[in-house]
C-alpha cells in the first residue's frame, strides 16, 4: 500500500498529475483543492495517497493533506459514491464547507456538486453526519468559530453562481478575499476581480 509520494512534479493537468519518484512516474488523480496547493511543474511535491486496486487497474489518488485524504476515504464509504464523485465533492467544497453542509443537513449545497443528485446528497448526510463530526471534530470547531464569515462566503458564492459564474470559479475568487467582509462586499469585490479577469 502506498501511503505518500515525494518527487518532482512532471505534469499538472487536472484531474491528473504525474510525479517522478526516483525515476518512476506515478500518475495520480486529485481534487482541485490539491492542485491549488501544488508547486509549479519541475519542483518537488509531496502528496498523501489513497490506492485502489481493481481487476483491471491500480489507481492512485493524491492529496496535499491527510485531512483531504481522510475525507475522501469517508466519502467513498457511502453507498453510491465512487472515487470520481468524491473528487468532485472535494473540488467543490472545502473541508469546513463539507462539514457545515453535514451539520446543517444542507442537501441543496451538496446537489451543486457535479454528479450528485438529491438522493445521493440525502444519503451523504444520513451516512456521514455523525461520522464526520466524530472523526473531524477539530474542523467542526473551526466551522463553529467562523460560522458567520462562512455564511457570508456561502451567500456570496451563491450570488455569483446565480449570475452565471461557475461554482469553482466563484469559490476561488471569494477565497482570495478577506473573509471578514459582508456578503455584499464580497460580491462587489468578486465582480471587480471577475470582470477584470484577475483570478
C-alpha atoms as a PDB file:
ATOM      1  CA  UNK A   1       0.000   0.000   0.000  1.00  0.00           C
ATOM      2  CA  UNK A   2       1.368   3.420  -0.964  1.00  0.00           C
ATOM      3  CA  UNK A   3       0.792   5.996   1.814  1.00  0.00           C
ATOM      4  CA  UNK A   4       2.555   9.008   0.308  1.00  0.00           C
ATOM      5  CA  UNK A   5       4.895  10.005  -2.502  1.00  0.00           C
ATOM      6  CA  UNK A   6       7.555  12.688  -2.794  1.00  0.00           C
ATOM      7  CA  UNK A   7       9.180  13.644  -6.064  1.00  0.00           C
ATOM      8  CA  UNK A   8       9.457  16.070  -8.956  1.00  0.00           C
ATOM      9  CA  UNK A   9       6.146  17.316 -10.307  1.00  0.00           C
ATOM     10  CA  UNK A  10       6.272  16.423 -14.028  1.00  0.00           C
ATOM     11  CA  UNK A  11       2.700  17.175 -15.088  1.00  0.00           C
ATOM     12  CA  UNK A  12      -0.184  19.100 -13.591  1.00  0.00           C
ATOM     13  CA  UNK A  13      -3.219  18.630 -15.836  1.00  0.00           C
ATOM     14  CA  UNK A  14      -6.404  18.415 -13.712  1.00  0.00           C
ATOM     15  CA  UNK A  15      -7.717  15.977 -12.724  1.00  0.00           C
ATOM     16  CA  UNK A  16      -4.377  14.136 -13.051  1.00  0.00           C
ATOM     17  CA  UNK A  17      -0.793  14.826 -12.054  1.00  0.00           C
ATOM     18  CA  UNK A  18       2.454  12.943 -12.589  1.00  0.00           C
ATOM     19  CA  UNK A  19       5.250  12.656 -10.020  1.00  0.00           C
ATOM     20  CA  UNK A  20       8.769  11.481 -10.821  1.00  0.00           C
ATOM     21  CA  UNK A  21       9.838   9.455  -7.781  1.00  0.00           C
ATOM     22  CA  UNK A  22      13.392   8.139  -8.221  1.00  0.00           C
ATOM     23  CA  UNK A  23      12.934   7.723 -11.965  1.00  0.00           C
ATOM     24  CA  UNK A  24       9.453   6.183 -11.793  1.00  0.00           C
ATOM     25  CA  UNK A  25       6.499   8.265 -12.997  1.00  0.00           C
ATOM     26  CA  UNK A  26       3.393   7.926 -10.824  1.00  0.00           C
ATOM     27  CA  UNK A  27       0.106   9.190 -12.266  1.00  0.00           C
ATOM     28  CA  UNK A  28      -2.463  10.273  -9.683  1.00  0.00           C
ATOM     29  CA  UNK A  29      -5.917  11.788  -9.824  1.00  0.00           C
ATOM     30  CA  UNK A  30      -6.624  14.621  -7.410  1.00  0.00           C
ATOM     31  CA  UNK A  31      -9.313  17.163  -6.453  1.00  0.00           C
ATOM     32  CA  UNK A  32      -8.921  20.808  -7.470  1.00  0.00           C
ATOM     33  CA  UNK A  33      -8.156  21.721  -3.843  1.00  0.00           C
ATOM     34  CA  UNK A  34      -4.940  19.693  -4.204  1.00  0.00           C
ATOM     35  CA  UNK A  35      -3.969  21.416  -7.466  1.00  0.00           C
ATOM     36  CA  UNK A  36      -4.313  24.838  -5.818  1.00  0.00           C
ATOM     37  CA  UNK A  37      -1.714  23.764  -3.217  1.00  0.00           C
ATOM     38  CA  UNK A  38       0.793  22.133  -5.588  1.00  0.00           C
ATOM     39  CA  UNK A  39       4.034  23.882  -6.588  1.00  0.00           C
ATOM     40  CA  UNK A  40       4.884  24.673 -10.209  1.00  0.00           C
ATOM     41  CA  UNK A  41       5.956  21.892 -12.592  1.00  0.00           C
ATOM     42  CA  UNK A  42       9.598  20.968 -12.045  1.00  0.00           C
ATOM     43  CA  UNK A  43       9.577  21.497  -8.269  1.00  0.00           C
ATOM     44  CA  UNK A  44       9.399  18.896  -5.501  1.00  0.00           C
ATOM     45  CA  UNK A  45       5.953  17.916  -4.237  1.00  0.00           C
ATOM     46  CA  UNK A  46       4.670  15.584  -1.537  1.00  0.00           C
ATOM     47  CA  UNK A  47       1.231  14.005  -1.789  1.00  0.00           C
ATOM     48  CA  UNK A  48      -0.694  11.699   0.521  1.00  0.00           C
ATOM     49  CA  UNK A  49      -2.004   8.735  -1.436  1.00  0.00           C
ATOM     50  CA  UNK A  50      -5.073   6.535  -1.454  1.00  0.00           C
ATOM     51  CA  UNK A  51      -4.640   3.430  -3.601  1.00  0.00           C
ATOM     52  CA  UNK A  52      -7.464   1.489  -5.230  1.00  0.00           C
ATOM     53  CA  UNK A  53      -6.704  -1.965  -6.672  1.00  0.00           C
ATOM     54  CA  UNK A  54      -9.134  -3.367  -9.215  1.00  0.00           C
ATOM     55  CA  UNK A  55      -9.007  -6.385 -11.511  1.00  0.00           C
ATOM     56  CA  UNK A  56      -8.221  -4.171 -14.488  1.00  0.00           C
ATOM     57  CA  UNK A  57      -6.303  -1.290 -12.889  1.00  0.00           C
ATOM     58  CA  UNK A  58      -4.375   0.120  -9.943  1.00  0.00           C
ATOM     59  CA  UNK A  59      -5.490   3.682  -9.298  1.00  0.00           C
ATOM     60  CA  UNK A  60      -3.757   6.321  -7.212  1.00  0.00           C
ATOM     61  CA  UNK A  61      -5.455   9.379  -5.746  1.00  0.00           C
ATOM     62  CA  UNK A  62      -3.329  12.221  -4.372  1.00  0.00           C
ATOM     63  CA  UNK A  63      -3.956  14.875  -1.724  1.00  0.00           C
ATOM     64  CA  UNK A  64      -1.837  17.638  -0.208  1.00  0.00           C
ATOM     65  CA  UNK A  65      -3.089  16.950   3.331  1.00  0.00           C
ATOM     66  CA  UNK A  66      -4.046  13.925   5.412  1.00  0.00           C
ATOM     67  CA  UNK A  67      -7.371  15.635   6.154  1.00  0.00           C
ATOM     68  CA  UNK A  68      -8.274  15.691   2.450  1.00  0.00           C
ATOM     69  CA  UNK A  69      -7.382  12.023   2.130  1.00  0.00           C
ATOM     70  CA  UNK A  70      -9.433  11.025   5.177  1.00  0.00           C
ATOM     71  CA  UNK A  71     -12.442  12.957   3.888  1.00  0.00           C
ATOM     72  CA  UNK A  72     -12.038  11.197   0.528  1.00  0.00           C
ATOM     73  CA  UNK A  73     -11.975   7.825   2.298  1.00  0.00           C
ATOM     74  CA  UNK A  74     -15.090   8.711   4.290  1.00  0.00           C
ATOM     75  CA  UNK A  75     -16.907   9.784   1.130  1.00  0.00           C
ATOM     76  CA  UNK A  76     -16.200   6.600  -0.838  1.00  0.00           C
ATOM     77  CA  UNK A  77     -17.602   4.512   2.042  1.00  0.00           C
ATOM     78  CA  UNK A  78     -21.035   5.934   1.231  1.00  0.00           C
ATOM     79  CA  UNK A  79     -23.127   3.656  -0.967  1.00  0.00           C
ATOM     80  CA  UNK A  80     -23.297   5.042  -4.498  1.00  0.00           C
ATOM     81  CA  UNK A  81     -20.339   7.400  -4.095  1.00  0.00           C
ATOM     82  CA  UNK A  82     -17.267   6.365  -6.051  1.00  0.00           C
ATOM     83  CA  UNK A  83     -13.840   7.998  -6.337  1.00  0.00           C
ATOM     84  CA  UNK A  84     -14.927  10.331  -9.179  1.00  0.00           C
ATOM     85  CA  UNK A  85     -17.837  11.749  -7.176  1.00  0.00           C
ATOM     86  CA  UNK A  86     -15.680  12.012  -4.041  1.00  0.00           C
ATOM     87  CA  UNK A  87     -13.115  14.041  -6.025  1.00  0.00           C
ATOM     88  CA  UNK A  88     -15.916  16.281  -7.304  1.00  0.00           C
ATOM     89  CA  UNK A  89     -17.092  16.926  -3.717  1.00  0.00           C
ATOM     90  CA  UNK A  90     -13.580  17.858  -2.562  1.00  0.00           C
ATOM     91  CA  UNK A  91     -13.083  20.019  -5.665  1.00  0.00           C
ATOM     92  CA  UNK A  92     -16.276  21.958  -4.973  1.00  0.00           C
ATOM     93  CA  UNK A  93     -16.354  22.166  -1.165  1.00  0.00           C
ATOM     94  CA  UNK A  94     -13.600  22.773   1.372  1.00  0.00           C
ATOM     95  CA  UNK A  95     -13.406  20.533   4.452  1.00  0.00           C
ATOM     96  CA  UNK A  96     -15.126  23.233   6.508  1.00  0.00           C
ATOM     97  CA  UNK A  97     -17.881  23.710   3.924  1.00  0.00           C
ATOM     98  CA  UNK A  98     -18.496  19.963   3.719  1.00  0.00           C
ATOM     99  CA  UNK A  99     -18.801  19.681   7.492  1.00  0.00           C
ATOM    100  CA  UNK A 100     -21.090  22.702   7.553  1.00  0.00           C
ATOM    101  CA  UNK A 101     -23.309  21.009   4.946  1.00  0.00           C
ATOM    102  CA  UNK A 102     -23.498  17.903   7.119  1.00  0.00           C
ATOM    103  CA  UNK A 103     -24.155  19.858  10.327  1.00  0.00           C
ATOM    104  CA  UNK A 104     -26.951  21.862   8.663  1.00  0.00           C
ATOM    105  CA  UNK A 105     -28.171  18.899   6.565  1.00  0.00           C
ATOM    106  CA  UNK A 106     -27.770  21.236   3.592  1.00  0.00           C
ATOM    107  CA  UNK A 107     -28.823  18.951   0.737  1.00  0.00           C
ATOM    108  CA  UNK A 108     -29.174  21.908  -1.660  1.00  0.00           C
ATOM    109  CA  UNK A 109     -25.487  22.818  -1.334  1.00  0.00           C
ATOM    110  CA  UNK A 110     -24.428  19.207  -1.874  1.00  0.00           C
ATOM    111  CA  UNK A 111     -26.598  19.000  -5.001  1.00  0.00           C
ATOM    112  CA  UNK A 112     -24.447  21.737  -6.556  1.00  0.00           C
ATOM    113  CA  UNK A 113     -21.587  19.241  -6.752  1.00  0.00           C
ATOM    114  CA  UNK A 114     -21.382  17.729 -10.268  1.00  0.00           C
ATOM    115  CA  UNK A 115     -22.627  14.133 -10.237  1.00  0.00           C
ATOM    116  CA  UNK A 116     -24.650  14.434  -7.017  1.00  0.00           C
ATOM    117  CA  UNK A 117     -28.435  14.333  -7.150  1.00  0.00           C
ATOM    118  CA  UNK A 118     -30.901  14.813  -4.326  1.00  0.00           C
ATOM    119  CA  UNK A 119     -30.979  11.133  -3.289  1.00  0.00           C
ATOM    120  CA  UNK A 120     -27.198  10.863  -3.149  1.00  0.00           C
ATOM    121  CA  UNK A 121     -26.976  14.144  -1.207  1.00  0.00           C
ATOM    122  CA  UNK A 122     -29.512  12.870   1.332  1.00  0.00           C
ATOM    123  CA  UNK A 123     -27.605   9.591   1.647  1.00  0.00           C
ATOM    124  CA  UNK A 124     -24.366  11.520   2.247  1.00  0.00           C
ATOM    125  CA  UNK A 125     -25.966  13.498   5.075  1.00  0.00           C
ATOM    126  CA  UNK A 126     -27.514  10.419   6.709  1.00  0.00           C
ATOM    127  CA  UNK A 127     -24.390   8.237   6.495  1.00  0.00           C
ATOM    128  CA  UNK A 128     -21.694  10.843   7.095  1.00  0.00           C
ATOM    129  CA  UNK A 129     -23.034  13.415   9.536  1.00  0.00           C
ATOM    130  CA  UNK A 130     -22.235  11.610  12.811  1.00  0.00           C
ATOM    131  CA  UNK A 131     -19.064  10.028  11.451  1.00  0.00           C
ATOM    132  CA  UNK A 132     -17.624  13.345  10.247  1.00  0.00           C
ATOM    133  CA  UNK A 133     -18.452  15.114  13.495  1.00  0.00           C
ATOM    134  CA  UNK A 134     -16.515  12.438  15.418  1.00  0.00           C
ATOM    135  CA  UNK A 135     -13.585  11.980  13.025  1.00  0.00           C
ATOM    136  CA  UNK A 136     -13.133  15.666  12.199  1.00  0.00           C
ATOM    137  CA  UNK A 137     -14.115  17.372  15.455  1.00  0.00           C
ATOM    138  CA  UNK A 138     -11.185  19.823  15.145  1.00  0.00           C
ATOM    139  CA  UNK A 139     -12.522  21.037  11.790  1.00  0.00           C
ATOM    140  CA  UNK A 140     -16.039  21.264  13.222  1.00  0.00           C
ATOM    141  CA  UNK A 141     -14.699  23.634  15.901  1.00  0.00           C
ATOM    142  CA  UNK A 142     -13.210  25.846  13.184  1.00  0.00           C
ATOM    143  CA  UNK A 143     -16.579  25.832  11.432  1.00  0.00           C
ATOM    144  CA  UNK A 144     -18.380  26.947  14.594  1.00  0.00           C
ATOM    145  CA  UNK A 145     -15.884  29.717  15.245  1.00  0.00           C
ATOM    146  CA  UNK A 146     -16.115  31.009  11.715  1.00  0.00           C
ATOM    147  CA  UNK A 147     -19.792  30.346  11.112  1.00  0.00           C
ATOM    148  CA  UNK A 148     -20.704  33.968  10.396  1.00  0.00           C
ATOM    149  CA  UNK A 149     -17.948  34.535   7.849  1.00  0.00           C
ATOM    150  CA  UNK A 150     -18.672  31.077   6.389  1.00  0.00           C
ATOM    151  CA  UNK A 151     -22.315  32.062   5.848  1.00  0.00           C
ATOM    152  CA  UNK A 152     -21.239  35.314   4.182  1.00  0.00           C
ATOM    153  CA  UNK A 153     -18.871  33.390   1.930  1.00  0.00           C
ATOM    154  CA  UNK A 154     -21.542  30.857   1.001  1.00  0.00           C
ATOM    155  CA  UNK A 155     -24.072  33.620   0.280  1.00  0.00           C
ATOM    156  CA  UNK A 156     -21.546  35.412  -1.939  1.00  0.00           C
ATOM    157  CA  UNK A 157     -20.729  32.229  -3.880  1.00  0.00           C
ATOM    158  CA  UNK A 158     -24.447  31.501  -4.337  1.00  0.00           C
ATOM    159  CA  UNK A 159     -24.988  35.017  -5.692  1.00  0.00           C
ATOM    160  CA  UNK A 160     -22.121  34.698  -8.191  1.00  0.00           C
ATOM    161  CA  UNK A 161     -23.388  31.292  -9.348  1.00  0.00           C
ATOM    162  CA  UNK A 162     -26.846  32.841  -9.842  1.00  0.00           C
ATOM    163  CA  UNK A 163     -25.166  35.479 -12.031  1.00  0.00           C
ATOM    164  CA  UNK A 164     -23.784  32.741 -14.276  1.00  0.00           C
ATOM    165  CA  UNK A 165     -20.304  32.102 -12.902  1.00  0.00           C
ATOM    166  CA  UNK A 166     -19.093  28.543 -12.242  1.00  0.00           C
ATOM    167  CA  UNK A 167     -19.110  27.411  -8.618  1.00  0.00           C
ATOM    168  CA  UNK A 168     -15.374  26.585  -8.650  1.00  0.00           C
ATOM    169  CA  UNK A 169     -14.524  29.940 -10.237  1.00  0.00           C
ATOM    170  CA  UNK A 170     -16.667  31.877  -7.765  1.00  0.00           C
ATOM    171  CA  UNK A 171     -15.271  29.935  -4.776  1.00  0.00           C
ATOM    172  CA  UNK A 172     -11.683  30.536  -5.852  1.00  0.00           C
ATOM    173  CA  UNK A 173     -12.188  34.293  -6.132  1.00  0.00           C
ATOM    174  CA  UNK A 174     -14.118  34.537  -2.847  1.00  0.00           C
ATOM    175  CA  UNK A 175     -11.385  32.608  -1.005  1.00  0.00           C
ATOM    176  CA  UNK A 176      -8.793  35.115  -2.204  1.00  0.00           C
ATOM    177  CA  UNK A 177     -10.671  37.949  -0.462  1.00  0.00           C
ATOM    178  CA  UNK A 178     -10.970  38.960   3.194  1.00  0.00           C
ATOM    179  CA  UNK A 179     -13.491  36.517   4.697  1.00  0.00           C
ATOM    180  CA  UNK A 180     -14.477  39.060   7.387  1.00  0.00           C
ATOM    181  CA  UNK A 181     -16.236  41.237   4.776  1.00  0.00           C
ATOM    182  CA  UNK A 182     -20.016  41.231   4.489  1.00  0.00           C
ATOM    183  CA  UNK A 183     -21.564  39.096   1.765  1.00  0.00           C
ATOM    184  CA  UNK A 184     -22.476  42.264  -0.183  1.00  0.00           C
ATOM    185  CA  UNK A 185     -18.873  43.493  -0.108  1.00  0.00           C
ATOM    186  CA  UNK A 186     -17.578  40.049  -1.061  1.00  0.00           C
ATOM    187  CA  UNK A 187     -19.893  40.011  -4.074  1.00  0.00           C
ATOM    188  CA  UNK A 188     -18.877  43.546  -5.083  1.00  0.00           C
ATOM    189  CA  UNK A 189     -15.151  42.806  -4.826  1.00  0.00           C
ATOM    190  CA  UNK A 190     -15.522  39.459  -6.604  1.00  0.00           C
ATOM    191  CA  UNK A 191     -17.336  41.044  -9.541  1.00  0.00           C
ATOM    192  CA  UNK A 192     -14.490  43.540  -9.881  1.00  0.00           C
ATOM    193  CA  UNK A 193     -11.953  40.716  -9.967  1.00  0.00           C
ATOM    194  CA  UNK A 194     -14.007  38.583 -12.355  1.00  0.00           C
ATOM    195  CA  UNK A 195     -14.786  41.435 -14.744  1.00  0.00           C
ATOM    196  CA  UNK A 196     -11.070  42.211 -14.901  1.00  0.00           C
ATOM    197  CA  UNK A 197     -10.257  38.510 -15.391  1.00  0.00           C
ATOM    198  CA  UNK A 198      -7.904  38.660 -12.396  1.00  0.00           C
ATOM    199  CA  UNK A 199      -8.008  35.179 -10.888  1.00  0.00           C
END
